[in-house]
Amino acid sequence: MGFLDEAGKIAGAVAAVEAAEKVDPEAGLLTKGGAAIAGFEGAGALESLVEKKDGEKQDTADDSQATDGTNSQT
């Protein structure tokens, strides 16, 4: 999944640069570079948050299955 992770970060950087150009058509190299870095890091942080939430959901599902299995003993 390393390649897909990096592709998502690159897409975030490209989207941020495009947004910066839409807001300021005369944006300089420094502005575009800052936008690219922010988009790259932001996409990475968002991806980590989604993975964390998915992990929590999986843990919750595992816990409920374990609980269901122990309560059925008679």
N, C-alpha and C. Protein backbone atom coordinates (compact mmCIF):
# COMPACT_ATOMS: atom_id res chain seq x y z
N MET A 1 0.80 -1.19 0.00
CA MET A 1 0.00 0.00 0.00
C MET A 1 0.85 1.26 0.00
N GLY A 2 2.15 1.13 0.03
CA GLY A 2 3.02 2.29 0.06
C GLY A 2 2.85 3.17 -1.16
N PHE A 3 2.71 2.55 -2.33
CA PHE A 3 2.56 3.32 -3.56
C PHE A 3 1.26 4.11 -3.55
N LEU A 4 0.18 3.49 -3.10
CA LEU A 4 -1.11 4.18 -3.06
C LEU A 4 -1.10 5.31 -2.03
N ASP A 5 -0.38 5.12 -0.93
CA ASP A 5 -0.27 6.17 0.07
C ASP A 5 0.41 7.40 -0.53
N GLU A 6 1.51 7.17 -1.22
CA GLU A 6 2.25 8.27 -1.83
C GLU A 6 1.45 8.92 -2.95
N ALA A 7 0.71 8.13 -3.71
CA ALA A 7 -0.11 8.69 -4.78
C ALA A 7 -1.19 9.61 -4.21
N GLY A 8 -1.76 9.25 -3.09
CA GLY A 8 -2.75 10.10 -2.45
C GLY A 8 -2.15 11.41 -1.97
N LYS A 9 -0.94 11.34 -1.42
CA LYS A 9 -0.26 12.55 -0.96
C LYS A 9 0.08 13.46 -2.14
N ILE A 10 0.53 12.87 -3.24
CA ILE A 10 0.86 13.66 -4.43
C ILE A 10 -0.40 14.32 -4.99
N ALA A 11 -1.50 13.58 -4.99
CA ALA A 11 -2.76 14.16 -5.47
C ALA A 11 -3.18 15.32 -4.59
N GLY A 12 -2.96 15.21 -3.30
CA GLY A 12 -3.27 16.31 -2.39
C GLY A 12 -2.42 17.53 -2.68
N ALA A 13 -1.14 17.31 -2.98
CA ALA A 13 -0.24 18.41 -3.31
C ALA A 13 -0.67 19.10 -4.60
N VAL A 14 -1.01 18.32 -5.61
CA VAL A 14 -1.44 18.88 -6.89
C VAL A 14 -2.73 19.68 -6.72
N ALA A 15 -3.65 19.14 -5.95
CA ALA A 15 -4.92 19.84 -5.72
C ALA A 15 -4.69 21.16 -4.99
N ALA A 16 -3.78 21.16 -4.04
CA ALA A 16 -3.49 22.39 -3.29
C ALA A 16 -2.85 23.45 -4.19
N VAL A 17 -1.95 23.03 -5.06
CA VAL A 17 -1.32 23.98 -5.99
C VAL A 17 -2.37 24.55 -6.95
N GLU A 18 -3.24 23.70 -7.47
CA GLU A 18 -4.30 24.16 -8.36
C GLU A 18 -5.21 25.16 -7.65
N ALA A 19 -5.53 24.89 -6.39
CA ALA A 19 -6.38 25.80 -5.62
C ALA A 19 -5.68 27.13 -5.42
N ALA A 20 -4.38 27.09 -5.14
CA ALA A 20 -3.63 28.33 -4.95
C ALA A 20 -3.61 29.16 -6.23
N GLU A 21 -3.49 28.49 -7.37
CA GLU A 21 -3.49 29.20 -8.65
C GLU A 21 -4.86 29.80 -8.95
N LYS A 22 -5.93 29.12 -8.53
CA LYS A 22 -7.28 29.66 -8.75
C LYS A 22 -7.51 30.90 -7.90
N VAL A 23 -7.02 30.87 -6.67
CA VAL A 23 -7.19 32.01 -5.77
C VAL A 23 -6.34 33.18 -6.21
N ASP A 24 -5.08 32.89 -6.60
CA ASP A 24 -4.15 33.95 -7.00
C ASP A 24 -3.45 33.51 -8.28
N PRO A 25 -3.97 33.94 -9.45
CA PRO A 25 -3.36 33.54 -10.72
C PRO A 25 -1.89 33.97 -10.85
N GLU A 26 -1.50 35.00 -10.13
CA GLU A 26 -0.12 35.48 -10.17
C GLU A 26 0.72 34.91 -9.03
N ALA A 27 0.32 33.76 -8.49
CA ALA A 27 1.04 33.16 -7.36
C ALA A 27 2.47 32.85 -7.76
N GLY A 28 3.36 33.13 -6.83
CA GLY A 28 4.77 32.89 -7.08
C GLY A 28 5.19 31.47 -6.74
N LEU A 29 6.44 31.19 -6.99
CA LEU A 29 6.98 29.85 -6.75
C LEU A 29 6.91 29.49 -5.27
N LEU A 30 7.17 30.45 -4.40
CA LEU A 30 7.13 30.20 -2.96
C LEU A 30 5.71 29.84 -2.50
N THR A 31 4.72 30.55 -3.02
CA THR A 31 3.33 30.27 -2.68
C THR A 31 2.92 28.88 -3.16
N LYS A 32 3.29 28.56 -4.39
CA LYS A 32 2.94 27.24 -4.94
C LYS A 32 3.66 26.13 -4.19
N GLY A 33 4.91 26.37 -3.82
CA GLY A 33 5.67 25.38 -3.05
C GLY A 33 5.05 25.15 -1.68
N GLY A 34 4.67 26.24 -1.03
CA GLY A 34 4.01 26.11 0.27
C GLY A 34 2.70 25.36 0.17
N ALA A 35 1.95 25.65 -0.87
CA ALA A 35 0.67 24.95 -1.08
C ALA A 35 0.91 23.46 -1.33
N ALA A 36 1.94 23.15 -2.10
CA ALA A 36 2.25 21.75 -2.40
C ALA A 36 2.62 21.00 -1.12
N ILE A 37 3.44 21.62 -0.29
CA ILE A 37 3.84 20.97 0.96
C ILE A 37 2.63 20.79 1.88
N ALA A 38 1.82 21.83 1.98
CA ALA A 38 0.63 21.74 2.83
C ALA A 38 -0.34 20.67 2.32
N GLY A 39 -0.52 20.60 1.03
CA GLY A 39 -1.40 19.57 0.45
C GLY A 39 -0.86 18.17 0.66
N PHE A 40 0.44 18.01 0.51
CA PHE A 40 1.09 16.71 0.70
C PHE A 40 0.93 16.25 2.15
N GLU A 41 1.26 17.13 3.09
CA GLU A 41 1.16 16.79 4.50
C GLU A 41 -0.29 16.62 4.94
N GLY A 42 -1.17 17.47 4.41
CA GLY A 42 -2.58 17.38 4.77
C GLY A 42 -3.20 16.08 4.30
N ALA A 43 -2.86 15.66 3.11
CA ALA A 43 -3.39 14.40 2.59
C ALA A 43 -2.87 13.23 3.42
N GLY A 44 -1.61 13.31 3.82
CA GLY A 44 -1.05 12.25 4.67
C GLY A 44 -1.74 12.19 6.02
N ALA A 45 -2.01 13.35 6.61
CA ALA A 45 -2.69 13.40 7.91
C ALA A 45 -4.12 12.89 7.79
N LEU A 46 -4.79 13.25 6.72
CA LEU A 46 -6.15 12.79 6.50
C LEU A 46 -6.19 11.28 6.33
N GLU A 47 -5.23 10.76 5.59
CA GLU A 47 -5.15 9.32 5.37
C GLU A 47 -4.90 8.58 6.68
N SER A 48 -4.04 9.13 7.51
CA SER A 48 -3.77 8.52 8.82
C SER A 48 -5.02 8.51 9.68
N LEU A 49 -5.78 9.60 9.63
CA LEU A 49 -7.01 9.70 10.41
C LEU A 49 -8.03 8.65 9.95
N VAL A 50 -8.15 8.48 8.65
CA VAL A 50 -9.09 7.49 8.11
C VAL A 50 -8.65 6.09 8.51
N GLU A 51 -7.35 5.80 8.42
CA GLU A 51 -6.86 4.48 8.82
C GLU A 51 -7.10 4.24 10.31
N LYS A 52 -6.92 5.28 11.13
CA LYS A 52 -7.15 5.15 12.57
C LYS A 52 -8.62 4.84 12.84
N LYS A 53 -9.52 5.56 12.15
CA LYS A 53 -10.95 5.33 12.34
C LYS A 53 -11.35 3.92 11.90
N ASP A 54 -10.76 3.46 10.77
CA ASP A 54 -11.05 2.11 10.30
C ASP A 54 -10.55 1.07 11.30
N GLY A 55 -9.39 1.31 11.89
CA GLY A 55 -8.85 0.41 12.90
C GLY A 55 -9.72 0.36 14.14
N GLU A 56 -10.23 1.52 14.55
CA GLU A 56 -11.11 1.57 15.71
C GLU A 56 -12.41 0.81 15.43
N LYS A 57 -12.95 0.96 14.23
CA LYS A 57 -14.18 0.25 13.87
C LYS A 57 -13.94 -1.25 13.89
N GLN A 58 -12.79 -1.67 13.37
CA GLN A 58 -12.45 -3.09 13.33
C GLN A 58 -12.28 -3.63 14.75
N ASP A 59 -11.61 -2.86 15.61
CA ASP A 59 -11.45 -3.28 17.01
C ASP A 59 -12.79 -3.39 17.71
N THR A 60 -13.67 -2.45 17.46
CA THR A 60 -15.00 -2.47 18.06
C THR A 60 -15.78 -3.68 17.58
N ALA A 61 -15.68 -3.98 16.29
CA ALA A 61 -16.37 -5.14 15.73
C ALA A 61 -15.81 -6.43 16.33
N ASP A 62 -14.49 -6.50 16.48
CA ASP A 62 -13.87 -7.68 17.07
C ASP A 62 -14.29 -7.86 18.52
N ASP A 63 -14.36 -6.76 19.26
CA ASP A 63 -14.77 -6.82 20.66
C ASP A 63 -16.21 -7.28 20.79
N SER A 64 -17.09 -6.80 19.94
CA SER A 64 -18.49 -7.19 20.03
C SER A 64 -18.67 -8.65 19.65
N GLN A 65 -17.87 -9.15 18.70
CA GLN A 65 -17.95 -10.56 18.34
C GLN A 65 -17.44 -11.43 19.48
N ALA A 66 -16.38 -10.99 20.13
CA ALA A 66 -15.84 -11.75 21.27
C ALA A 66 -16.84 -11.76 22.41
N THR A 67 -17.49 -10.66 22.65
CA THR A 67 -18.49 -10.57 23.71
C THR A 67 -19.68 -11.46 23.39
N ASP A 68 -20.11 -11.46 22.14
CA ASP A 68 -21.24 -12.30 21.75
C ASP A 68 -20.91 -13.78 21.94
N GLY A 69 -19.68 -14.15 21.65
CA GLY A 69 -19.27 -15.56 21.78
C GLY A 69 -19.19 -16.00 23.22
N THR A 70 -18.79 -15.14 24.16
CA THR A 70 -18.66 -15.55 25.56
C THR A 70 -20.00 -15.54 26.27
N ASN A 71 -20.96 -14.78 25.82
CA ASN A 71 -22.26 -14.72 26.48
C ASN A 71 -23.15 -15.92 26.13
N SER A 72 -22.81 -16.65 25.11
CA SER A 72 -23.67 -17.77 24.69
C SER A 72 -23.37 -19.06 25.45
N GLN A 73 -22.41 -19.04 26.40
CA GLN A 73 -22.10 -20.25 27.16
C GLN A 73 -23.19 -20.49 28.21
N THR A 74 -23.60 -21.78 28.34
CA THR A 74 -24.61 -22.12 29.35
C THR A 74 -24.14 -23.21 30.23
